[in-house]
Amino acid sequence: MVMPESKKIGSGFFSDTVAELKKVTWLSWNEAIRLTALVLGISIVVGLILGGLDFGFSALVNKLFVGG
């Protein structure tokens, strides 16, 4: 089946993308900074918690099974 030139895959992709991006409601600069800081803060806290658990379990396994 032959598709008309305007219906081929990829035709108008960039113009359609630009049109969709113009419809987006973008965050304000302050919101973007605040939410970025929030994500970084939560990531650091979760990383510290998981690091502490890993350290604790490693020490426990070494003590119980390795005899250290």
C-alpha atoms as a PDB file:
ATOM      1  CA  MET A   1       0.000   0.000   0.000  1.00  0.00           C
ATOM      2  CA  VAL A   2       1.462   3.328  -1.046  1.00  0.00           C
ATOM      3  CA  MET A   3       0.944   6.169   1.380  1.00  0.00           C
ATOM      4  CA  PRO A   4       0.545   9.756   0.236  1.00  0.00           C
ATOM      5  CA  GLU A   5       3.621  11.908   0.709  1.00  0.00           C
ATOM      6  CA  SER A   6       2.094  13.784   3.677  1.00  0.00           C
ATOM      7  CA  LYS A   7       1.310  10.553   5.568  1.00  0.00           C
ATOM      8  CA  LYS A   8       4.751   8.933   5.389  1.00  0.00           C
ATOM      9  CA  ILE A   9       6.360   8.083   8.686  1.00  0.00           C
ATOM     10  CA  GLY A  10       8.634  10.858   9.896  1.00  0.00           C
ATOM     11  CA  SER A  11       7.255  13.593   7.689  1.00  0.00           C
ATOM     12  CA  GLY A  12       6.578  16.641   9.768  1.00  0.00           C
ATOM     13  CA  PHE A  13       8.057  15.032  12.863  1.00  0.00           C
ATOM     14  CA  PHE A  14      10.034  18.092  13.890  1.00  0.00           C
ATOM     15  CA  SER A  15       7.253  20.564  13.178  1.00  0.00           C
ATOM     16  CA  ASP A  16       4.826  18.356  15.146  1.00  0.00           C
ATOM     17  CA  THR A  17       7.324  18.167  18.010  1.00  0.00           C
ATOM     18  CA  VAL A  18       7.749  21.938  18.109  1.00  0.00           C
ATOM     19  CA  ALA A  19       3.961  22.393  18.024  1.00  0.00           C
ATOM     20  CA  GLU A  20       3.518  20.026  20.984  1.00  0.00           C
ATOM     21  CA  LEU A  21       6.321  21.692  22.968  1.00  0.00           C
ATOM     22  CA  LYS A  22       4.581  25.045  22.570  1.00  0.00           C
ATOM     23  CA  LYS A  23       1.547  23.576  24.367  1.00  0.00           C
ATOM     24  CA  VAL A  24       3.584  22.551  27.416  1.00  0.00           C
ATOM     25  CA  THR A  25       3.183  24.493  30.650  1.00  0.00           C
ATOM     26  CA  TRP A  26       6.777  24.965  31.768  1.00  0.00           C
ATOM     27  CA  LEU A  27       7.883  25.399  35.379  1.00  0.00           C
ATOM     28  CA  SER A  28       9.050  28.777  36.547  1.00  0.00           C
ATOM     29  CA  TRP A  29      12.749  29.195  37.275  1.00  0.00           C
ATOM     30  CA  ASN A  30      12.121  29.239  41.050  1.00  0.00           C
ATOM     31  CA  GLU A  31      10.006  26.075  40.898  1.00  0.00           C
ATOM     32  CA  ALA A  32      12.636  24.282  38.845  1.00  0.00           C
ATOM     33  CA  ILE A  33      15.389  25.227  41.322  1.00  0.00           C
ATOM     34  CA  ARG A  34      13.264  24.249  44.339  1.00  0.00           C
ATOM     35  CA  LEU A  35      12.236  20.889  42.900  1.00  0.00           C
ATOM     36  CA  THR A  36      15.798  20.122  41.767  1.00  0.00           C
ATOM     37  CA  ALA A  37      17.060  20.825  45.291  1.00  0.00           C
ATOM     38  CA  LEU A  38      14.305  18.612  46.703  1.00  0.00           C
ATOM     39  CA  VAL A  39      15.264  15.706  44.421  1.00  0.00           C
ATOM     40  CA  LEU A  40      18.957  16.110  45.278  1.00  0.00           C
ATOM     41  CA  GLY A  41      18.199  16.264  49.007  1.00  0.00           C
ATOM     42  CA  ILE A  42      16.010  13.163  48.957  1.00  0.00           C
ATOM     43  CA  SER A  43      18.585  11.313  46.841  1.00  0.00           C
ATOM     44  CA  ILE A  44      21.346  12.120  49.342  1.00  0.00           C
ATOM     45  CA  VAL A  45      19.231  11.027  52.322  1.00  0.00           C
ATOM     46  CA  VAL A  46      18.194   7.768  50.664  1.00  0.00           C
ATOM     47  CA  GLY A  47      21.807   7.157  49.604  1.00  0.00           C
ATOM     48  CA  LEU A  48      23.015   7.632  53.170  1.00  0.00           C
ATOM     49  CA  ILE A  49      20.327   5.303  54.533  1.00  0.00           C
ATOM     50  CA  LEU A  50      21.106   2.585  51.988  1.00  0.00           C
ATOM     51  CA  GLY A  51      24.844   3.040  52.501  1.00  0.00           C
ATOM     52  CA  GLY A  52      24.388   2.650  56.262  1.00  0.00           C
ATOM     53  CA  LEU A  53      22.283  -0.478  55.819  1.00  0.00           C
ATOM     54  CA  ASP A  54      24.850  -1.933  53.425  1.00  0.00           C
ATOM     55  CA  PHE A  55      27.677  -1.183  55.842  1.00  0.00           C
ATOM     56  CA  GLY A  56      25.730  -2.722  58.743  1.00  0.00           C
ATOM     57  CA  PHE A  57      24.763  -5.878  56.878  1.00  0.00           C
ATOM     58  CA  SER A  58      28.299  -6.291  55.535  1.00  0.00           C
ATOM     59  CA  ALA A  59      29.697  -6.046  59.059  1.00  0.00           C
ATOM     60  CA  LEU A  60      27.082  -8.521  60.320  1.00  0.00           C
ATOM     61  CA  VAL A  61      27.810 -11.038  57.557  1.00  0.00           C
ATOM     62  CA  ASN A  62      31.569 -10.715  58.119  1.00  0.00           C
ATOM     63  CA  LYS A  63      31.132 -11.231  61.841  1.00  0.00           C
ATOM     64  CA  LEU A  64      28.784 -14.218  61.533  1.00  0.00           C
ATOM     65  CA  PHE A  65      30.221 -16.085  58.562  1.00  0.00           C
ATOM     66  CA  VAL A  66      33.808 -14.952  58.117  1.00  0.00           C
ATOM     67  CA  GLY A  67      34.595 -14.762  61.804  1.00  0.00           C
ATOM     68  CA  GLY A  68      36.093 -11.316  61.600  1.00  0.00           C
END
